[in-house]
Amino acid sequence: MPEATKTEVGRRLFQVHREKGVENAVKKIHHGIGDDWKLFTEDDIKVLERMLGECWVYIDTVVWDTIAFSQLKYTDVLHIIQIGNVSKGKDSTDTKAITDVTAILTGKGK
């Protein structure tokens, strides 16, 4: 088995941190929304996870750690999913979509 380069290890570590950040955020959102979480489809949740992952890349870690994911409302999450559905099929770094979702997450889009 060939050795992994430092670059490959760095990329994988970045990916693991992003996945963990998104996973933790989704858990907090789920807890905060409560029973309304059942209103989201599996596809909706995948879109939410994708958008959170895109935002994780662009949001400073210090800021990400201060986001009150558990305080997001059902309508906030629905809006994030709608933005994600519109951006689906576009360039994965759709800056407008990421900016809009980041504004929702940080409370600047309310």
Protein backbone atom coordinates (compact mmCIF):
# COMPACT_ATOMS: atom_id res chain seq x y z
CA MET A 1 0.00 0.00 0.00
CA PRO A 2 1.53 3.34 -1.03
CA GLU A 3 2.16 6.02 1.58
CA ALA A 4 -0.19 8.98 1.60
CA THR A 5 1.36 12.33 0.83
CA LYS A 6 1.10 15.19 3.29
CA THR A 7 -1.25 16.90 0.86
CA GLU A 8 -3.56 13.88 0.74
CA VAL A 9 -3.56 13.63 4.53
CA GLY A 10 -4.30 17.36 4.80
CA ARG A 11 -7.19 17.12 2.36
CA ARG A 12 -8.67 14.16 4.21
CA LEU A 13 -8.28 15.87 7.57
CA PHE A 14 -10.03 18.95 6.16
CA GLN A 15 -12.85 16.75 4.86
CA VAL A 16 -13.22 14.97 8.21
CA HIS A 17 -13.39 18.29 10.08
CA ARG A 18 -16.00 19.60 7.65
CA GLU A 19 -18.13 16.45 7.96
CA LYS A 20 -17.93 16.60 11.77
CA GLY A 21 -18.86 20.30 11.78
CA VAL A 22 -21.87 19.65 9.57
CA GLU A 23 -22.90 16.58 11.58
CA ASN A 24 -22.82 18.55 14.83
CA ALA A 25 -24.73 21.44 13.28
CA VAL A 26 -27.45 19.12 11.95
CA LYS A 27 -27.84 17.50 15.38
CA LYS A 28 -28.29 20.92 16.99
CA ILE A 29 -30.76 22.03 14.30
CA HIS A 30 -32.72 18.78 14.69
CA HIS A 31 -32.86 19.20 18.46
CA GLY A 32 -33.90 22.86 18.18
CA ILE A 33 -36.66 22.24 15.66
CA GLY A 34 -38.05 19.24 17.49
CA ASP A 35 -41.07 17.48 15.97
CA ASP A 36 -41.09 19.75 12.91
CA TRP A 37 -37.90 17.96 11.81
CA LYS A 38 -40.17 15.13 10.60
CA LEU A 39 -41.57 17.50 7.95
CA PHE A 40 -38.25 17.42 6.07
CA THR A 41 -37.64 14.66 3.55
CA GLU A 42 -34.42 12.71 3.29
CA ASP A 43 -33.57 14.77 0.18
CA ASP A 44 -34.23 18.00 2.11
CA ILE A 45 -31.77 16.92 4.80
CA LYS A 46 -29.14 16.04 2.18
CA VAL A 47 -29.54 19.52 0.66
CA LEU A 48 -29.24 21.07 4.13
CA GLU A 49 -26.08 19.07 4.80
CA ARG A 50 -24.61 20.08 1.43
CA MET A 51 -25.29 23.77 2.07
CA LEU A 52 -23.89 23.60 5.59
CA GLY A 53 -20.78 21.90 4.19
CA GLU A 54 -20.34 24.63 1.58
CA CYS A 55 -20.74 27.32 4.25
CA TRP A 56 -18.35 25.54 6.64
CA VAL A 57 -15.60 26.05 4.07
CA TYR A 58 -16.20 29.81 3.90
CA ILE A 59 -17.06 30.66 7.50
CA ASP A 60 -14.18 31.24 9.89
CA THR A 61 -13.97 28.46 12.50
CA VAL A 62 -14.33 30.94 15.36
CA VAL A 63 -17.55 32.27 13.79
CA TRP A 64 -18.84 28.75 12.98
CA ASP A 65 -18.41 27.75 16.62
CA THR A 66 -20.57 30.70 17.73
CA ILE A 67 -23.52 29.99 15.43
CA ALA A 68 -26.62 29.08 17.43
CA PHE A 69 -27.77 26.22 15.21
CA SER A 70 -30.30 25.09 17.82
CA GLN A 71 -31.98 28.51 17.59
CA LEU A 72 -32.75 28.20 13.88
CA LYS A 73 -36.45 28.04 13.16
CA TYR A 74 -38.22 25.65 10.82
CA THR A 75 -38.65 28.51 8.34
CA ASP A 76 -34.90 29.28 8.46
CA VAL A 77 -34.05 25.68 7.62
CA LEU A 78 -36.71 25.60 4.92
CA HIS A 79 -35.19 28.74 3.41
CA ILE A 80 -31.71 27.16 3.44
CA ILE A 81 -33.10 24.08 1.68
CA GLN A 82 -34.84 26.26 -0.92
CA ILE A 83 -31.59 28.13 -1.59
CA GLY A 84 -29.81 24.79 -1.91
CA ASN A 85 -32.40 23.48 -4.35
CA VAL A 86 -32.06 26.59 -6.52
CA SER A 87 -28.26 26.32 -6.51
CA LYS A 88 -28.34 22.59 -7.28
CA GLY A 89 -26.78 21.93 -10.64
CA LYS A 90 -24.86 25.20 -10.58
CA ASP A 91 -21.19 25.58 -9.81
CA SER A 92 -20.57 24.01 -6.40
CA THR A 93 -19.14 27.30 -5.18
CA ASP A 94 -22.26 29.35 -5.91
CA THR A 95 -21.16 32.42 -3.97
CA LYS A 96 -24.62 34.01 -3.78
CA ALA A 97 -26.16 30.85 -2.28
CA ILE A 98 -23.34 30.52 0.24
CA THR A 99 -23.61 34.20 1.17
CA ASP A 100 -27.39 33.92 1.60
CA VAL A 101 -27.17 30.80 3.77
CA THR A 102 -24.34 32.29 5.83
CA ALA A 103 -26.52 35.32 6.50
CA ILE A 104 -29.30 33.05 7.77
CA LEU A 105 -26.91 31.08 9.96
CA THR A 106 -25.33 34.15 11.51
CA GLY A 107 -28.64 35.92 12.03
CA LYS A 108 -27.86 38.63 9.50
CA GLY A 109 -30.45 37.34 7.04
CA LYS A 110 -33.44 37.77 9.32
